[in-house]
Structure formats: C-alpha cells, structure tokens
Amino acid sequence: MTKNNLNLMPNEIIENKIVFIRGKKVMLDSDLANLYGVETKVLNQAVKRKLKRFPLDFMFQLTIGEFERLRS
C-alpha cells in the first residue's frame, strides 16, 4: 500500500482515545480495534499470538475499579 492510498485519521480522533491509567497514556483495546477496523476479540487474539513482538508492558488488564471509573 502506498502513502497515497492510506486513509489517514486526524490526530484529534486518536488523541481523544488516549486515557491516563496508572500514570501512563494508554488506549483501550476496543478503541484500538475500532481504529484498525477489527473486532476487539480479533485484536486481542492477534496480540496474544505474537506476544514476543510486544514489550512486556504493552497491555494489562484493568481492575474492576479502573473499569468502573472509565465507564462513568
């Protein structure tokens, strides 16, 4: 795919998907999957299959409290 064929997304859309959790800038798997146009389940499966390609802190599980705070 050449640069001319890429559908670029405005920075504002991506920036609005970034949240602070545990003092780090992160994106939720559902938002990341949406940006790539795949289901969340498919994104997570792909990452787990190729886990060695990602840094150890690439992903983590939210606590119930963190999840509740993001929902509200």
Protein backbone atom coordinates (compact mmCIF):
# COMPACT_ATOMS: atom_id res chain seq x y z
CA MET A 1 0.00 0.00 0.00
CA THR A 2 1.46 3.37 -0.98
CA LYS A 3 1.24 6.55 1.05
CA ASN A 4 -1.25 7.97 -1.42
CA ASN A 5 -3.65 5.09 -0.76
CA LEU A 6 -3.56 5.32 3.03
CA ASN A 7 -6.65 6.62 4.74
CA LEU A 8 -5.10 8.86 7.35
CA MET A 9 -7.02 9.56 10.52
CA PRO A 10 -6.92 13.04 12.02
CA ASN A 11 -4.69 13.28 15.09
CA GLU A 12 -7.59 14.63 17.15
CA ILE A 13 -9.52 11.38 16.81
CA ILE A 14 -6.58 9.33 18.03
CA GLU A 15 -5.70 11.81 20.77
CA ASN A 16 -9.27 11.64 22.11
CA LYS A 17 -8.92 7.87 22.51
CA ILE A 18 -5.88 8.16 24.80
CA VAL A 19 -6.60 7.95 28.53
CA PHE A 20 -4.38 8.04 31.62
CA ILE A 21 -4.37 4.86 33.69
CA ARG A 22 -1.77 4.08 36.34
CA GLY A 23 0.11 7.20 35.32
CA LYS A 24 0.54 6.05 31.71
CA LYS A 25 -1.03 7.09 28.45
CA VAL A 26 -2.98 4.11 27.12
CA MET A 27 -5.62 3.20 24.59
CA LEU A 28 -8.34 0.70 25.34
CA ASP A 29 -8.38 -2.44 23.23
CA SER A 30 -11.87 -1.61 21.97
CA ASP A 31 -10.76 1.82 20.72
CA LEU A 32 -7.62 0.41 19.13
CA ALA A 33 -9.60 -2.34 17.42
CA ASN A 34 -12.06 0.26 16.14
CA LEU A 35 -9.22 2.33 14.68
CA TYR A 36 -7.94 -0.76 12.85
CA GLY A 37 -11.42 -1.79 11.77
CA VAL A 38 -11.44 -5.17 13.51
CA GLU A 39 -13.32 -6.72 16.41
CA THR A 40 -11.77 -6.33 19.85
CA LYS A 41 -11.61 -10.12 20.19
CA VAL A 42 -9.64 -10.39 16.95
CA LEU A 43 -7.15 -7.70 18.03
CA ASN A 44 -6.55 -9.39 21.39
CA GLN A 45 -6.09 -12.78 19.74
CA ALA A 46 -3.55 -11.35 17.30
CA VAL A 47 -1.56 -9.74 20.11
CA LYS A 48 -1.57 -12.94 22.17
CA ARG A 49 -0.41 -14.99 19.16
CA LYS A 50 2.54 -12.64 18.61
CA LEU A 51 3.25 -11.64 22.20
CA LYS A 52 7.03 -11.79 21.73
CA ARG A 53 6.82 -8.83 19.32
CA PHE A 54 5.47 -6.53 22.02
CA PRO A 55 7.13 -5.03 25.10
CA LEU A 56 6.16 -6.59 28.43
CA ASP A 57 4.12 -3.53 29.41
CA PHE A 58 2.27 -3.34 26.07
CA MET A 59 -1.01 -4.44 27.61
CA PHE A 60 -2.52 -5.04 31.01
CA GLN A 61 -5.86 -5.96 32.50
CA LEU A 62 -7.93 -3.22 34.11
CA THR A 63 -9.10 -3.71 37.66
CA ILE A 64 -12.84 -3.60 38.29
CA GLY A 65 -12.42 -0.14 39.87
CA GLU A 66 -10.48 1.20 36.87
CA PHE A 67 -13.09 -0.17 34.50
CA GLU A 68 -15.93 1.40 36.50
CA ARG A 69 -14.19 4.81 36.56
CA LEU A 70 -13.74 4.72 32.79
CA ARG A 71 -17.38 3.80 32.25
CA SER A 72 -18.70 6.68 34.32
